[in-house]
PDB file of all heavy atoms in Angstrom:
ATOM      1  N   VAL A   1     130.895  98.295 120.764  1.00  0.00           N
ATOM      2  CA  VAL A   1     130.426  98.698 119.434  1.00  0.00           C
ATOM      3  C   VAL A   1     131.498  98.511 118.371  1.00  0.00           C
ATOM      4  O   VAL A   1     131.265  97.878 117.350  1.00  0.00           O
ATOM      5  CB  VAL A   1     129.924 100.163 119.443  1.00  0.00           C
ATOM      6  CG1 VAL A   1     129.576 100.624 118.048  1.00  0.00           C
ATOM      7  CG2 VAL A   1     128.715 100.291 120.357  1.00  0.00           C
ATOM      8  N   ALA A   2     132.698  99.074 118.592  1.00  0.00           N
ATOM      9  CA  ALA A   2     133.726  99.016 117.570  1.00  0.00           C
ATOM     10  C   ALA A   2     134.160  97.569 117.263  1.00  0.00           C
ATOM     11  O   ALA A   2     134.166  97.183 116.079  1.00  0.00           O
ATOM     12  CB  ALA A   2     134.929  99.872 117.970  1.00  0.00           C
ATOM     13  N   PRO A   3     134.519  96.777 118.257  1.00  0.00           N
ATOM     14  CA  PRO A   3     134.903  95.401 117.907  1.00  0.00           C
ATOM     15  C   PRO A   3     133.745  94.612 117.265  1.00  0.00           C
ATOM     16  O   PRO A   3     133.959  93.837 116.336  1.00  0.00           O
ATOM     17  CB  PRO A   3     135.289  94.771 119.250  1.00  0.00           C
ATOM     18  CG  PRO A   3     135.619  95.899 120.139  1.00  0.00           C
ATOM     19  CD  PRO A   3     134.745  97.039 119.692  1.00  0.00           C
ATOM     20  N   GLY A   4     132.541  94.830 117.765  1.00  0.00           N
ATOM     21  CA  GLY A   4     131.369  94.140 117.201  1.00  0.00           C
ATOM     22  C   GLY A   4     131.124  94.525 115.760  1.00  0.00           C
ATOM     23  O   GLY A   4     130.771  93.681 114.933  1.00  0.00           O
ATOM     24  N   ALA A   5     131.302  95.801 115.443  1.00  0.00           N
ATOM     25  CA  ALA A   5     131.088  96.259 114.067  1.00  0.00           C
ATOM     26  C   ALA A   5     132.078  95.619 113.120  1.00  0.00           C
ATOM     27  O   ALA A   5     131.701  95.196 112.010  1.00  0.00           O
ATOM     28  CB  ALA A   5     131.202  97.779 113.997  1.00  0.00           C
ATOM     29  N   PHE A   6     133.321  95.473 113.543  1.00  0.00           N
ATOM     30  CA  PHE A   6     134.312  94.873 112.651  1.00  0.00           C
ATOM     31  C   PHE A   6     134.144  93.369 112.522  1.00  0.00           C
ATOM     32  O   PHE A   6     134.585  92.780 111.553  1.00  0.00           O
ATOM     33  CB  PHE A   6     135.726  95.227 113.136  1.00  0.00           C
ATOM     34  CG  PHE A   6     136.109  96.634 112.781  1.00  0.00           C
ATOM     35  CD1 PHE A   6     135.968  97.659 113.692  1.00  0.00           C
ATOM     36  CD2 PHE A   6     136.590  96.949 111.509  1.00  0.00           C
ATOM     37  CE1 PHE A   6     136.291  98.958 113.368  1.00  0.00           C
ATOM     38  CE2 PHE A   6     136.927  98.241 111.173  1.00  0.00           C
ATOM     39  CZ  PHE A   6     136.778  99.261 112.104  1.00  0.00           C
ATOM     40  N   VAL A   7     133.463  92.724 113.468  1.00  0.00           N
ATOM     41  CA  VAL A   7     133.192  91.278 113.384  1.00  0.00           C
ATOM     42  C   VAL A   7     131.941  91.004 112.572  1.00  0.00           C
ATOM     43  O   VAL A   7     131.913  90.119 111.731  1.00  0.00           O
ATOM     44  CB  VAL A   7     133.087  90.656 114.797  1.00  0.00           C
ATOM     45  CG1 VAL A   7     132.559  89.249 114.737  1.00  0.00           C
ATOM     46  CG2 VAL A   7     134.437  90.691 115.492  1.00  0.00           C
ATOM     47  N   VAL A   8     130.886  91.810 112.781  1.00  0.00           N
ATOM     48  CA  VAL A   8     129.585  91.492 112.209  1.00  0.00           C
ATOM     49  C   VAL A   8     129.407  92.006 110.796  1.00  0.00           C
ATOM     50  O   VAL A   8     128.841  91.318 109.942  1.00  0.00           O
ATOM     51  CB  VAL A   8     128.472  92.078 113.127  1.00  0.00           C
ATOM     52  CG1 VAL A   8     127.111  91.982 112.485  1.00  0.00           C
ATOM     53  CG2 VAL A   8     128.496  91.364 114.472  1.00  0.00           C
ATOM     54  N   LEU A   9     129.848  93.210 110.513  1.00  0.00           N
ATOM     55  CA  LEU A   9     129.591  93.815 109.210  1.00  0.00           C
ATOM     56  C   LEU A   9     130.467  93.175 108.128  1.00  0.00           C
ATOM     57  O   LEU A   9     131.553  92.657 108.369  1.00  0.00           O
ATOM     58  CB  LEU A   9     129.808  95.322 109.270  1.00  0.00           C
ATOM     59  CG  LEU A   9     128.782  96.058 110.156  1.00  0.00           C
ATOM     60  CD1 LEU A   9     129.131  97.521 110.250  1.00  0.00           C
ATOM     61  CD2 LEU A   9     127.380  95.856 109.635  1.00  0.00           C
ATOM     62  N   ALA A  10     129.995  93.267 106.897  1.00  0.00           N
ATOM     63  CA  ALA A  10     130.619  92.551 105.765  1.00  0.00           C
ATOM     64  C   ALA A  10     132.002  93.101 105.402  1.00  0.00           C
ATOM     65  O   ALA A  10     132.873  92.360 105.011  1.00  0.00           O
ATOM     66  CB  ALA A  10     129.699  92.612 104.552  1.00  0.00           C
ATOM     67  N   SER A  11     132.189  94.405 105.507  1.00  0.00           N
ATOM     68  CA  SER A  11     133.483  94.965 105.098  1.00  0.00           C
ATOM     69  C   SER A  11     134.005  95.918 106.174  1.00  0.00           C
ATOM     70  O   SER A  11     133.261  96.450 106.982  1.00  0.00           O
ATOM     71  CB  SER A  11     133.349  95.708 103.754  1.00  0.00           C
ATOM     72  OG  SER A  11     132.684  96.926 103.951  1.00  0.00           O
ATOM     73  N   ARG A  12     135.299  96.113 106.128  1.00  0.00           N
ATOM     74  CA  ARG A  12     135.940  97.036 107.079  1.00  0.00           C
ATOM     75  C   ARG A  12     135.459  98.467 106.822  1.00  0.00           C
ATOM     76  O   ARG A  12     135.399  99.257 107.743  1.00  0.00           O
ATOM     77  CB  ARG A  12     137.438  96.922 106.947  1.00  0.00           C
ATOM     78  CG  ARG A  12     137.995  95.588 107.421  1.00  0.00           C
ATOM     79  CD  ARG A  12     139.506  95.536 107.263  1.00  0.00           C
ATOM     80  NE  ARG A  12     140.177  96.509 108.070  1.00  0.00           N
ATOM     81  CZ  ARG A  12     140.689  96.288 109.276  1.00  0.00           C
ATOM     82  NH1 ARG A  12     140.584  95.081 109.804  1.00  0.00           N
ATOM     83  NH2 ARG A  12     141.280  97.247 109.945  1.00  0.00           N
ATOM     84  N   ASP A  13     135.144  98.790 105.571  1.00  0.00           N
ATOM     85  CA  ASP A  13     134.665 100.127 105.247  1.00  0.00           C
ATOM     86  C   ASP A  13     133.326 100.416 105.926  1.00  0.00           C
ATOM     87  O   ASP A  13     133.099 101.511 106.469  1.00  0.00           O
ATOM     88  CB  ASP A  13     134.523 100.322 103.732  1.00  0.00           C
ATOM     89  CG  ASP A  13     135.861 100.368 103.031  1.00  0.00           C
ATOM     90  OD1 ASP A  13     136.865 100.754 103.679  1.00  0.00           O
ATOM     91  OD2 ASP A  13     135.907 100.030 101.849  1.00  0.00           O
ATOM     92  N   GLN A  14     132.436  99.429 105.893  1.00  0.00           N
ATOM     93  CA  GLN A  14     131.142  99.598 106.547  1.00  0.00           C
ATOM     94  C   GLN A  14     131.325  99.756 108.063  1.00  0.00           C
ATOM     95  O   GLN A  14     130.691 100.598 108.694  1.00  0.00           O
ATOM     96  CB  GLN A  14     130.229  98.410 106.295  1.00  0.00           C
ATOM     97  CG  GLN A  14     129.687  98.315 104.910  1.00  0.00           C
ATOM     98  CD  GLN A  14     128.857  97.048 104.729  1.00  0.00           C
ATOM     99  OE1 GLN A  14     129.063  96.054 105.417  1.00  0.00           O
ATOM    100  NE2 GLN A  14     127.910  97.107 103.788  1.00  0.00           N
ATOM    101  N   ALA A  15     132.189  98.910 108.641  1.00  0.00           N
ATOM    102  CA  ALA A  15     132.423  98.987 110.071  1.00  0.00           C
ATOM    103  C   ALA A  15     133.056 100.324 110.459  1.00  0.00           C
ATOM    104  O   ALA A  15     132.662 100.937 111.449  1.00  0.00           O
ATOM    105  CB  ALA A  15     133.324  97.826 110.509  1.00  0.00           C
ATOM    106  N   GLY A  16     134.011 100.790 109.674  1.00  0.00           N
ATOM    107  CA  GLY A  16     134.642 102.081 109.930  1.00  0.00           C
ATOM    108  C   GLY A  16     133.644 103.216 109.842  1.00  0.00           C
ATOM    109  O   GLY A  16     133.687 104.157 110.627  1.00  0.00           O
ATOM    110  N   ALA A  17     132.760 103.155 108.865  1.00  0.00           N
ATOM    111  CA  ALA A  17     131.735 104.202 108.719  1.00  0.00           C
ATOM    112  C   ALA A  17     130.792 104.201 109.915  1.00  0.00           C
ATOM    113  O   ALA A  17     130.426 105.266 110.441  1.00  0.00           O
ATOM    114  CB  ALA A  17     130.938 103.999 107.435  1.00  0.00           C
ATOM    115  N   MET A  18     130.403 103.031 110.384  1.00  0.00           N
ATOM    116  CA  MET A  18     129.493 102.945 111.528  1.00  0.00           C
ATOM    117  C   MET A  18     130.172 103.454 112.793  1.00  0.00           C
ATOM    118  O   MET A  18     129.594 104.220 113.567  1.00  0.00           O
ATOM    119  CB  MET A  18     129.010 101.525 111.733  1.00  0.00           C
ATOM    120  CG  MET A  18     127.907 101.452 112.777  1.00  0.00           C
ATOM    121  SD  MET A  18     127.491  99.791 113.214  1.00  0.00           S
ATOM    122  CE  MET A  18     128.446  99.609 114.680  1.00  0.00           C
ATOM    123  N   VAL A  19     131.432 103.046 113.010  1.00  0.00           N
ATOM    124  CA  VAL A  19     132.141 103.496 114.218  1.00  0.00           C
ATOM    125  C   VAL A  19     132.396 104.999 114.134  1.00  0.00           C
ATOM    126  O   VAL A  19     132.280 105.706 115.135  1.00  0.00           O
ATOM    127  CB  VAL A  19     133.451 102.700 114.390  1.00  0.00           C
ATOM    128  CG1 VAL A  19     134.313 103.294 115.478  1.00  0.00           C
ATOM    129  CG2 VAL A  19     133.141 101.240 114.676  1.00  0.00           C
ATOM    130  N   GLY A  20     132.719 105.510 112.949  1.00  0.00           N
ATOM    131  CA  GLY A  20     132.922 106.958 112.796  1.00  0.00           C
ATOM    132  C   GLY A  20     131.657 107.748 113.094  1.00  0.00           C
ATOM    133  O   GLY A  20     131.708 108.794 113.756  1.00  0.00           O
ATOM    134  N   TYR A  21     130.533 107.261 112.614  1.00  0.00           N
ATOM    135  CA  TYR A  21     129.245 107.888 112.896  1.00  0.00           C
ATOM    136  C   TYR A  21     128.976 107.891 114.404  1.00  0.00           C
ATOM    137  O   TYR A  21     128.583 108.901 114.971  1.00  0.00           O
ATOM    138  CB  TYR A  21     128.140 107.131 112.136  1.00  0.00           C
ATOM    139  CG  TYR A  21     126.760 107.648 112.416  1.00  0.00           C
ATOM    140  CD1 TYR A  21     126.238 108.733 111.732  1.00  0.00           C
ATOM    141  CD2 TYR A  21     125.950 107.028 113.386  1.00  0.00           C
ATOM    142  CE1 TYR A  21     124.962 109.194 111.980  1.00  0.00           C
ATOM    143  CE2 TYR A  21     124.681 107.481 113.643  1.00  0.00           C
ATOM    144  CZ  TYR A  21     124.191 108.573 112.946  1.00  0.00           C
ATOM    145  OH  TYR A  21     122.940 109.019 113.225  1.00  0.00           O
ATOM    146  N   SER A  22     129.180 106.733 115.030  1.00  0.00           N
ATOM    147  CA  SER A  22     128.936 106.621 116.478  1.00  0.00           C
ATOM    148  C   SER A  22     129.888 107.502 117.261  1.00  0.00           C
ATOM    149  O   SER A  22     129.495 108.106 118.272  1.00  0.00           O
ATOM    150  CB  SER A  22     129.102 105.157 116.923  1.00  0.00           C
ATOM    151  OG  SER A  22     128.225 104.325 116.241  1.00  0.00           O
ATOM    152  N   LEU A  23     131.119 107.572 116.855  1.00  0.00           N
ATOM    153  CA  LEU A  23     132.104 108.378 117.552  1.00  0.00           C
ATOM    154  C   LEU A  23     131.779 109.860 117.514  1.00  0.00           C
ATOM    155  O   LEU A  23     131.903 110.565 118.516  1.00  0.00           O
ATOM    156  CB  LEU A  23     133.512 108.130 116.957  1.00  0.00           C
ATOM    157  CG  LEU A  23     134.695 108.737 117.677  1.00  0.00           C
ATOM    158  CD1 LEU A  23     134.803 108.142 119.069  1.00  0.00           C
ATOM    159  CD2 LEU A  23     135.961 108.465 116.887  1.00  0.00           C
ATOM    160  N   ALA A  24     131.301 110.333 116.367  1.00  0.00           N
ATOM    161  CA  ALA A  24     130.924 111.735 116.275  1.00  0.00           C
ATOM    162  C   ALA A  24     129.766 112.074 117.218  1.00  0.00           C
ATOM    163  O   ALA A  24     129.799 113.091 117.904  1.00  0.00           O
ATOM    164  CB  ALA A  24     130.531 112.065 114.834  1.00  0.00           C
ATOM    165  N   ARG A  25     128.780 111.189 117.270  1.00  0.00           N
ATOM    166  CA  ARG A  25     127.646 111.429 118.194  1.00  0.00           C
ATOM    167  C   ARG A  25     128.105 111.343 119.644  1.00  0.00           C
ATOM    168  O   ARG A  25     127.644 112.089 120.498  1.00  0.00           O
ATOM    169  CB  ARG A  25     126.524 110.414 117.950  1.00  0.00           C
ATOM    170  CG  ARG A  25     125.850 110.456 116.573  1.00  0.00           C
ATOM    171  CD  ARG A  25     125.681 111.850 116.054  1.00  0.00           C
ATOM    172  NE  ARG A  25     125.061 111.952 114.766  1.00  0.00           N
ATOM    173  CZ  ARG A  25     125.708 112.062 113.607  1.00  0.00           C
ATOM    174  NH1 ARG A  25     127.008 111.997 113.560  1.00  0.00           N
ATOM    175  NH2 ARG A  25     125.058 112.237 112.486  1.00  0.00           N
ATOM    176  N   MET A  26     129.001 110.404 119.933  1.00  0.00           N
ATOM    177  CA  MET A  26     129.494 110.254 121.291  1.00  0.00           C
ATOM    178  C   MET A  26     130.268 111.503 121.728  1.00  0.00           C
ATOM    179  O   MET A  26     130.167 111.924 122.882  1.00  0.00           O
ATOM    180  CB  MET A  26     130.381 109.033 121.392  1.00  0.00           C
ATOM    181  CG  MET A  26     130.807 108.722 122.808  1.00  0.00           C
ATOM    182  SD  MET A  26     132.078 107.488 122.864  1.00  0.00           S
ATOM    183  CE  MET A  26     133.462 108.375 122.193  1.00  0.00           C
ATOM    184  N   HIS A  27     131.004 112.094 120.829  1.00  0.00           N
ATOM    185  CA  HIS A  27     131.735 113.324 121.163  1.00  0.00           C
ATOM    186  C   HIS A  27     130.756 114.452 121.523  1.00  0.00           C
ATOM    187  O   HIS A  27     130.994 115.208 122.471  1.00  0.00           O
ATOM    188  CB  HIS A  27     132.637 113.762 120.003  1.00  0.00           C
ATOM    189  CG  HIS A  27     133.896 112.970 119.942  1.00  0.00           C
ATOM    190  ND1 HIS A  27     134.660 112.892 118.812  1.00  0.00           N
ATOM    191  CD2 HIS A  27     134.542 112.222 120.856  1.00  0.00           C
ATOM    192  CE1 HIS A  27     135.712 112.132 119.028  1.00  0.00           C
ATOM    193  NE2 HIS A  27     135.651 111.714 120.278  1.00  0.00           N
ATOM    194  N   TRP A  28     129.678 114.575 120.759  1.00  0.00           N
ATOM    195  CA  TRP A  28     128.686 115.615 121.067  1.00  0.00           C
ATOM    196  C   TRP A  28     128.033 115.373 122.440  1.00  0.00           C
ATOM    197  O   TRP A  28     127.832 116.306 123.210  1.00  0.00           O
ATOM    198  CB  TRP A  28     127.612 115.691 119.987  1.00  0.00           C
ATOM    199  CG  TRP A  28     128.074 116.503 118.806  1.00  0.00           C
ATOM    200  CD1 TRP A  28     128.417 116.047 117.589  1.00  0.00           C
ATOM    201  CD2 TRP A  28     128.284 117.912 118.784  1.00  0.00           C
ATOM    202  NE1 TRP A  28     128.816 117.091 116.785  1.00  0.00           N
ATOM    203  CE2 TRP A  28     128.754 118.246 117.494  1.00  0.00           C
ATOM    204  CE3 TRP A  28     128.132 118.936 119.714  1.00  0.00           C
ATOM    205  CZ2 TRP A  28     129.057 119.549 117.141  1.00  0.00           C
ATOM    206  CZ3 TRP A  28     128.422 120.240 119.341  1.00  0.00           C
ATOM    207  CH2 TRP A  28     128.886 120.518 118.068  1.00  0.00           C
ATOM    208  N   VAL A  29     127.734 114.118 122.715  1.00  0.00           N
ATOM    209  CA  VAL A  29     127.164 113.787 124.030  1.00  0.00           C
ATOM    210  C   VAL A  29     128.151 114.154 125.127  1.00  0.00           C
ATOM    211  O   VAL A  29     127.789 114.687 126.171  1.00  0.00           O
ATOM    212  CB  VAL A  29     126.765 112.296 124.103  1.00  0.00           C
ATOM    213  CG1 VAL A  29     126.459 111.860 125.516  1.00  0.00           C
ATOM    214  CG2 VAL A  29     125.573 112.023 123.205  1.00  0.00           C
TER     215      VAL A  29
END
């Protein structure tokens, strides 16, 4: 997820936001 987000998304900010969102959910799981 993280490497793919930084390759596919247009900006690093978008990729960071997506990885941060995913990381928070993963911690709860």
